[in-house]
Protein backbone atom coordinates (compact mmCIF):
# COMPACT_ATOMS: atom_id res chain seq x y z
CA MET A 1 8.04 -6.16 -14.94
CA SER A 2 10.05 -4.84 -17.86
CA ASP A 3 9.09 -1.65 -19.77
CA ASN A 4 8.16 -4.03 -22.85
CA SER A 5 5.83 -6.25 -21.17
CA LEU A 6 4.22 -3.29 -19.25
CA LEU A 7 3.35 -1.28 -22.62
CA ASN A 8 2.25 -4.33 -24.26
CA LYS A 9 0.04 -5.33 -21.42
CA LEU A 10 -1.43 -1.67 -21.62
CA LEU A 11 -1.75 -1.76 -25.69
CA GLY A 12 -3.89 -4.65 -24.66
CA LEU A 13 -5.94 -3.06 -22.07
CA LYS A 14 -6.16 0.26 -24.79
CA ASP A 15 -7.66 -2.39 -27.61
CA LYS A 16 -9.99 -3.96 -24.81
CA TYR A 17 -11.25 -0.38 -23.54
CA GLU A 18 -12.09 0.68 -27.30
CA ASN A 19 -13.62 -2.63 -27.81
CA LEU A 20 -15.88 -1.82 -25.02
CA ALA A 21 -16.71 1.38 -26.15
CA ASN A 22 -17.90 -0.22 -29.61
CA GLN A 23 -20.10 -2.77 -27.71
CA LEU A 24 -21.77 -0.07 -25.51
CA ALA A 25 -22.98 1.73 -28.87
CA GLN A 26 -24.79 -1.11 -30.09
CA PRO A 27 -28.39 -0.98 -29.90
CA ASP A 28 -28.52 -4.70 -28.87
CA VAL A 29 -26.75 -3.89 -25.84
CA VAL A 30 -28.05 -0.97 -24.86
CA SER A 31 -31.51 -2.39 -25.03
CA ASP A 32 -30.37 -5.08 -22.72
CA MET A 33 -29.86 -3.15 -19.06
CA LYS A 34 -27.94 -5.82 -17.40
CA ARG A 35 -25.72 -6.51 -20.12
CA TYR A 36 -25.12 -2.65 -20.43
CA VAL A 37 -24.73 -1.64 -16.65
CA ALA A 38 -21.78 -4.88 -16.87
CA LEU A 39 -20.15 -3.42 -19.67
CA ASN A 40 -20.38 0.12 -18.65
CA LYS A 41 -18.94 -0.72 -15.14
CA GLU A 42 -15.67 -2.59 -17.04
CA TYR A 43 -15.81 0.42 -19.35
CA ARG A 44 -15.41 3.00 -16.46
CA GLU A 45 -12.67 0.92 -14.42
CA LEU A 46 -10.59 0.76 -17.47
CA GLU A 47 -10.66 4.58 -18.36
CA PRO A 48 -8.05 5.72 -16.11
CA LEU A 49 -5.89 3.14 -17.52
CA ALA A 50 -6.26 3.72 -20.68
CA ALA A 51 -5.27 7.54 -19.78
CA ALA A 52 -2.31 6.51 -18.08
CA GLY A 53 -1.29 3.82 -21.02
CA ALA A 54 -1.37 6.75 -23.13
CA LYS A 55 0.51 9.28 -21.19
CA TYR A 56 2.91 6.52 -20.65
CA LYS A 57 3.29 5.69 -24.35
CA LEU A 58 3.68 9.10 -25.18
CA MET A 59 6.79 9.38 -22.85
CA LEU A 60 8.67 6.57 -24.10
CA ASP A 61 8.08 7.63 -27.84
CA ASN A 62 9.75 11.05 -26.53
CA LEU A 63 12.59 9.58 -25.26
CA VAL A 64 13.07 7.15 -28.17
CA SER A 65 13.15 10.51 -30.32
CA ALA A 66 15.13 12.83 -27.54
CA LYS A 67 18.03 9.92 -27.97
CA GLU A 68 17.72 9.69 -32.09
CA LEU A 69 18.26 13.17 -31.77
CA LEU A 70 20.84 13.31 -29.98
CA ALA A 71 22.93 10.89 -32.11
CA VAL A 72 22.72 12.76 -35.23
CA GLU A 73 22.58 16.52 -34.05
CA LYS A 74 25.68 18.59 -34.71
CA ASP A 75 23.74 21.86 -33.32
CA GLU A 76 25.16 22.38 -29.48
CA GLU A 77 22.35 23.88 -28.61
CA MET A 78 19.92 21.33 -29.91
CA ARG A 79 21.94 18.78 -28.44
CA GLU A 80 21.53 19.92 -24.75
CA MET A 81 17.83 20.36 -25.36
CA ALA A 82 17.88 16.75 -26.17
CA LYS A 83 19.88 15.88 -23.18
CA GLU A 84 17.71 18.07 -20.93
CA GLU A 85 14.30 16.15 -22.09
CA ILE A 86 16.21 12.97 -21.90
CA ALA A 87 17.00 13.41 -18.45
CA LEU A 88 13.47 15.14 -17.68
CA LEU A 89 11.69 12.13 -18.82
CA GLU A 90 14.38 9.21 -17.42
CA GLU A 91 13.80 11.13 -14.35
CA ALA A 92 9.60 10.57 -14.43
CA ILE A 93 8.95 7.47 -16.23
CA PRO A 94 9.79 5.36 -13.15
CA GLY A 95 7.08 7.15 -11.18
CA VAL A 96 4.78 7.03 -14.15
CA GLU A 97 5.54 2.83 -14.17
CA GLY A 98 4.54 2.84 -10.42
CA GLU A 99 1.66 4.61 -10.93
CA ILE A 100 0.28 2.31 -13.74
CA LYS A 101 1.27 -1.01 -11.54
CA MET A 102 -0.75 0.63 -8.69
CA LEU A 103 -3.74 1.25 -11.66
CA LEU A 104 -3.17 -2.75 -12.60
CA ILE A 105 -3.77 -4.38 -9.30
CA PRO A 106 -6.97 -6.03 -9.33
CA THR A 107 -9.75 -4.07 -7.42
CA ASP A 108 -12.65 -5.49 -5.45
CA PRO A 109 -15.60 -5.09 -7.53
CA GLN A 110 -17.63 -4.31 -4.67
CA ASP A 111 -15.85 -1.19 -3.81
CA ALA A 112 -17.88 1.33 -5.90
CA LYS A 113 -21.01 0.06 -4.18
CA ASN A 114 -23.06 1.69 -1.12
CA ALA A 115 -22.89 0.22 1.75
CA ILE A 116 -24.58 -1.66 4.61
CA LEU A 117 -23.61 -0.48 8.44
CA GLU A 118 -24.71 -2.89 11.17
CA ILE A 119 -23.18 -2.28 15.18
CA ARG A 120 -23.92 -4.40 17.50
CA ALA A 121 -23.21 -4.35 21.34
CA GLY A 122 -20.78 -7.42 22.63
CA THR A 123 -19.72 -7.91 26.05
CA GLY A 124 -19.99 -5.63 28.72
CA GLY A 125 -23.50 -5.03 29.48
CA ASP A 126 -24.94 -1.88 28.76
CA GLU A 127 -21.56 -0.19 28.59
CA ALA A 128 -21.51 -1.81 25.42
CA SER A 129 -24.34 -0.64 24.11
CA ILE A 130 -23.28 2.90 24.99
CA PHE A 131 -20.09 2.19 23.34
CA ALA A 132 -22.09 0.78 20.02
CA GLY A 133 -23.69 4.22 20.26
CA ASP A 134 -20.41 6.12 19.97
CA LEU A 135 -19.49 4.40 17.12
CA PHE A 136 -22.50 5.02 15.36
CA ARG A 137 -22.11 8.44 16.30
CA MET A 138 -18.44 8.28 15.10
CA TYR A 139 -19.79 6.93 11.95
CA ALA A 140 -22.68 9.65 11.00
CA LYS A 141 -19.72 12.33 11.66
CA PHE A 142 -17.67 10.53 9.18
CA VAL A 143 -20.26 10.19 6.83
CA GLU A 144 -20.98 13.73 7.01
CA ARG A 145 -17.25 14.71 6.61
CA ARG A 146 -17.21 12.62 3.13
CA GLY A 147 -20.65 13.96 1.71
CA TRP A 148 -22.46 10.85 1.93
CA LYS A 149 -25.71 10.10 2.88
CA MET A 150 -26.94 7.95 6.12
CA GLU A 151 -30.31 6.31 6.45
CA ILE A 152 -31.23 4.37 9.62
CA THR A 153 -33.52 1.12 8.58
CA GLY A 154 -33.52 -0.86 12.04
CA THR A 155 -32.62 0.61 15.40
CA SER A 156 -32.80 -1.53 19.13
CA GLU A 157 -32.19 0.90 22.26
CA GLY A 158 -30.18 0.08 25.03
CA THR A 159 -31.61 0.18 28.47
CA SER A 160 -29.25 2.98 29.76
CA GLY A 161 -28.52 4.52 26.21
CA GLY A 162 -26.75 3.51 22.94
CA PHE A 163 -27.87 0.81 21.04
CA LYS A 164 -28.02 -3.01 21.13
CA GLU A 165 -28.39 -2.99 17.61
CA VAL A 166 -28.37 -0.37 14.67
CA ILE A 167 -28.52 -0.75 10.82
CA CYS A 168 -28.62 1.62 8.35
CA LYS A 169 -27.32 2.04 4.78
CA ILE A 170 -24.66 4.51 3.74
CA SER A 171 -25.05 6.09 0.06
CA GLY A 172 -21.98 7.70 -1.91
CA THR A 173 -19.43 7.57 -4.09
CA GLY A 174 -17.06 4.53 -3.30
CA VAL A 175 -18.50 3.90 -0.21
CA TYR A 176 -17.76 0.21 0.42
CA GLY A 177 -14.29 0.22 -0.60
CA VAL A 178 -13.56 2.90 2.19
CA MET A 179 -16.06 1.38 5.08
CA LYS A 180 -15.33 -2.02 4.51
CA TYR A 181 -12.05 -1.51 6.63
CA GLU A 182 -14.40 -1.15 10.05
CA SER A 183 -15.76 -4.64 9.91
CA GLY A 184 -14.80 -6.57 12.88
CA VAL A 185 -14.67 -6.59 16.91
CA HIS A 186 -14.03 -2.76 18.44
CA ARG A 187 -13.12 -2.90 21.88
CA VAL A 188 -13.38 0.27 24.45
CA GLN A 189 -11.56 0.42 27.67
CA ARG A 190 -12.81 3.25 30.23
CA VAL A 191 -14.31 3.82 33.28
CA PRO A 192 -18.21 3.15 32.54
CA GLN A 193 -20.76 5.52 33.17
CA THR A 194 -22.43 2.98 35.77
CA GLU A 195 -19.07 2.19 37.85
CA THR A 196 -18.95 3.88 41.13
CA GLN A 197 -15.27 3.04 42.16
CA GLY A 198 -13.56 4.62 38.97
CA ARG A 199 -12.59 1.09 37.80
CA VAL A 200 -11.73 0.61 33.89
CA HIS A 201 -13.45 -2.01 32.05
CA THR A 202 -13.45 -3.31 28.72
CA SER A 203 -16.31 -3.90 26.62
CA ALA A 204 -16.90 -4.40 22.74
CA ALA A 205 -18.97 -3.72 19.98
CA SER A 206 -19.15 -5.56 16.42
CA VAL A 207 -19.28 -3.77 13.42
CA ALA A 208 -20.27 -5.67 9.97
CA VAL A 209 -19.92 -3.59 6.71
CA LEU A 210 -21.91 -5.52 3.59
CA PRO A 211 -21.60 -4.01 0.04
CA GLU A 212 -25.06 -3.60 -1.13
CA ALA A 213 -26.48 -5.73 -3.86
CA ASP A 214 -27.32 -3.68 -7.03
CA GLU A 215 -30.64 -4.65 -8.26
CA PHE A 216 -29.07 -6.67 -11.26
CA ASP A 217 -26.80 -8.89 -8.54
CA ILE A 218 -29.53 -10.76 -7.45
CA GLU A 219 -32.97 -11.99 -8.74
CA LEU A 220 -35.47 -12.22 -6.36
CA ASN A 221 -38.61 -14.83 -7.08
CA GLU A 222 -41.32 -12.94 -5.42
CA LYS A 223 -42.89 -16.74 -4.35
CA ASP A 224 -39.70 -17.50 -2.12
CA ILE A 225 -40.56 -14.20 0.22
CA ARG A 226 -43.01 -14.20 3.33
CA LYS A 227 -44.00 -10.57 3.85
CA ASP A 228 -45.32 -9.55 7.23
CA THR A 229 -46.50 -6.06 8.58
CA PHE A 230 -46.91 -4.84 11.98
CA CYS A 231 -46.82 -1.94 13.87
CA SER A 232 -43.90 0.19 14.27
CA SER A 233 -42.34 0.48 17.71
CA GLY A 234 -40.28 3.50 19.06
CA PRO A 235 -40.16 7.04 18.22
CA GLY A 236 -42.21 8.45 15.23
CA GLY A 237 -45.16 10.43 16.34
CA GLN A 238 -48.70 9.32 15.71
CA SER A 239 -47.94 6.69 13.14
CA VAL A 240 -46.60 4.56 15.82
CA ASN A 241 -48.60 1.79 16.95
CA THR A 242 -51.44 2.40 15.25
CA THR A 243 -50.56 1.65 11.74
CA TYR A 244 -49.43 -1.61 10.14
CA SER A 245 -46.47 0.35 8.19
CA ALA A 246 -43.46 -1.99 9.32
CA ILE A 247 -42.41 -4.68 7.39
CA ARG A 248 -40.72 -7.92 7.98
CA LEU A 249 -39.33 -10.13 5.07
CA THR A 250 -38.66 -13.83 5.17
CA HIS A 251 -36.71 -15.74 2.47
CA ILE A 252 -38.00 -18.94 2.79
CA PRO A 253 -35.35 -20.86 0.79
CA THR A 254 -32.66 -19.70 3.54
CA GLY A 255 -34.27 -18.48 6.20
CA ILE A 256 -33.16 -14.94 6.14
CA VAL A 257 -35.33 -12.54 8.00
CA VAL A 258 -34.92 -8.99 7.37
CA GLN A 259 -37.51 -6.25 8.51
CA CYS A 260 -37.89 -2.17 8.27
CA GLN A 261 -40.01 0.45 10.38
CA ASP A 262 -38.07 3.28 9.70
CA GLU A 263 -40.73 5.13 7.21
CA LYS A 264 -44.26 5.80 8.09
CA SER A 265 -44.99 4.66 4.28
CA GLN A 266 -45.38 0.57 4.30
CA LEU A 267 -44.30 0.80 0.83
CA LYS A 268 -40.95 2.87 1.41
CA ASN A 269 -40.27 0.69 4.51
CA TYR A 270 -40.76 -2.64 1.67
CA ASP A 271 -38.57 -1.10 -0.75
CA LYS A 272 -35.92 -0.47 1.83
CA ALA A 273 -36.66 -4.12 3.40
CA LEU A 274 -36.33 -5.43 -0.35
CA ALA A 275 -32.95 -3.97 -0.92
CA GLU A 276 -31.85 -5.33 2.54
CA LEU A 277 -32.71 -8.78 1.74
CA ARG A 278 -31.38 -8.32 -1.77
CA THR A 279 -27.82 -7.60 -0.05
CA ARG A 280 -27.94 -10.36 2.45
CA LEU A 281 -28.25 -13.06 -0.19
CA TYR A 282 -25.35 -11.36 -2.56
CA ASN A 283 -23.23 -11.34 0.44
CA MET A 284 -23.60 -15.13 1.29
CA GLU A 285 -21.76 -15.64 -2.05
CA TYR A 286 -19.41 -12.43 -0.99
CA GLU A 287 -18.11 -14.11 1.87
CA LYS A 288 -16.77 -17.10 -0.04
CA TYR A 289 -14.58 -14.53 -2.00
CA LEU A 290 -13.38 -12.86 1.34
CA ASN A 291 -12.38 -16.08 2.95
CA GLU A 292 -10.38 -16.53 -0.22
CA ILE A 293 -8.69 -13.41 0.55
CA SER A 294 -7.99 -14.10 4.07
CA SER A 295 -6.09 -17.03 3.54
CA GLN A 296 -3.89 -15.35 1.06
CA ARG A 297 -3.19 -12.39 3.06
CA LYS A 298 -1.49 -11.71 6.45
CA THR A 299 -2.77 -7.99 7.69
CA MET A 300 -6.36 -9.13 6.59
CA VAL A 301 -7.25 -5.79 6.32
CA SER A 302 -10.40 -6.13 4.63
CA THR A 303 -11.45 -9.39 4.44
CA GLY A 304 -14.66 -8.84 6.57
CA ASP A 305 -13.48 -11.50 9.54
CA ARG A 306 -15.89 -10.14 11.75
CA SER A 307 -14.96 -12.05 14.92
CA ALA A 308 -11.27 -10.67 14.85
CA LYS A 309 -10.24 -7.88 17.29
CA ILE A 310 -9.45 -4.96 14.91
CA ARG A 311 -9.05 -1.41 17.20
CA THR A 312 -8.81 -0.84 20.90
CA TYR A 313 -10.31 2.86 22.00
CA ASN A 314 -8.44 3.38 25.31
CA TYR A 315 -10.08 6.49 26.83
CA PRO A 316 -7.75 6.63 30.00
CA GLN A 317 -4.39 7.09 27.55
CA SER A 318 -6.66 8.49 24.54
CA ARG A 319 -4.82 5.79 22.40
CA VAL A 320 -6.75 4.19 19.45
CA THR A 321 -4.50 1.24 18.19
CA ASP A 322 -5.30 -0.45 14.79
CA HIS A 323 -4.34 -4.33 15.71
CA ARG A 324 -4.21 -5.45 12.08
CA ILE A 325 -0.92 -3.22 11.10
CA ASN A 326 0.05 -1.92 14.81
CA TYR A 327 -1.20 1.69 14.29
CA THR A 328 -1.38 3.76 17.08
CA MET A 329 -2.80 7.32 17.45
CA TYR A 330 -3.31 9.49 20.67
CA ASN A 331 -6.30 11.90 19.43
CA LEU A 332 -9.38 10.01 20.68
CA PRO A 333 -11.61 12.50 20.71
CA VAL A 334 -10.74 13.85 17.30
CA PHE A 335 -11.10 10.48 16.60
CA MET A 336 -14.37 9.28 17.91
CA ASP A 337 -15.86 12.82 16.27
CA GLY A 338 -15.36 11.11 12.84
CA ALA A 339 -11.77 11.66 12.00
CA ILE A 340 -11.29 8.25 10.98
CA GLN A 341 -9.86 8.85 7.77
CA GLU A 342 -6.25 8.83 8.83
CA VAL A 343 -6.27 5.14 9.84
CA ILE A 344 -8.40 4.17 6.95
CA ASP A 345 -5.52 5.48 4.77
CA GLN A 346 -3.11 3.68 6.25
CA LEU A 347 -5.26 0.34 6.00
CA GLN A 348 -5.26 1.06 2.37
CA ILE A 349 -1.55 1.79 1.80
CA ALA A 350 -0.91 -1.82 3.79
CA GLU A 351 -3.65 -3.72 1.51
CA ASN A 352 -2.12 -2.12 -1.90
CA ALA A 353 1.48 -3.23 -0.71
CA GLU A 354 -0.13 -6.73 -0.41
CA ARG A 355 -2.02 -6.51 -3.41
CA LEU A 356 1.31 -5.13 -5.34
CA LYS A 357 3.09 -8.35 -3.83
CA GLU A 358 0.33 -10.69 -5.34
CA SER A 359 0.17 -9.24 -8.66
CA GLU A 360 4.08 -9.52 -8.96
CA ALA A 361 4.13 -13.06 -7.67
């Protein structure tokens, strides 16, 4: 991309940014909440590009001025100052151009959303459930490190510990953009607690990360939803099995069923279940987008191909290997304690490299 075409693109985005600012100040937009939310989101996404574009244009203007000064100036001290400025700007401009090109890569519009995390035990019996519990603890620790919030909405415990299934919501800034890399099959190689002869077994658990649908993403018709109440089960004190606080929602057109019994309040469980139902309906459409990406990218770092084996946790060797980018670490205990940012950083670098190639193609 030449300097002029990059600058022209930035100037065009600057006009769009200023136009959005004007629209957001209009009374008819402010009164239409759905439109206001959409325009404000677009405005915020353009904000860093507008700032980078202003910085880039100033640097180019200063370079032109310094060269013009050097061409006509006779004073040797002024000429030296002009030469120094030219050298500094010519060294700095390529780096700024690289930053801008990365900002120009189309982002996944879902990245800023909260996420629904689902972990399910796969092959391996009781050991798979124990491993699913280990993964849940790993993510809970990671969420704590990031300063996010985790709310469990549903669990099914394993007979020997861990979970057959655990579903939770993670709230915070840019959660889905980080957690999406965890979707797929996670494989563990270790000696199970139930193994008497010390043999290493292989078990698996599947992880699915879904972007949480906003209220304005999906319009639900109450006539399409059947609501059932039932008694909660599991830990929870006196209210368990005595009050019909648990909620099950069935979306009649699609057959999707969600339930929540995490709260003692039926109303709170209903709100959580409704949010999860909205997310599942939204993700039926989002899957089409993911499938389009998976046909284009080789590493499939964020496509949500939930049947693909993405990572192996080898306990005898204290090794973690991410198969999408052939990245291996030998710090398994630390990793399982929530220190997973390093591999996510590497996955983001791989994805950005692919997206940059796509945008330049």
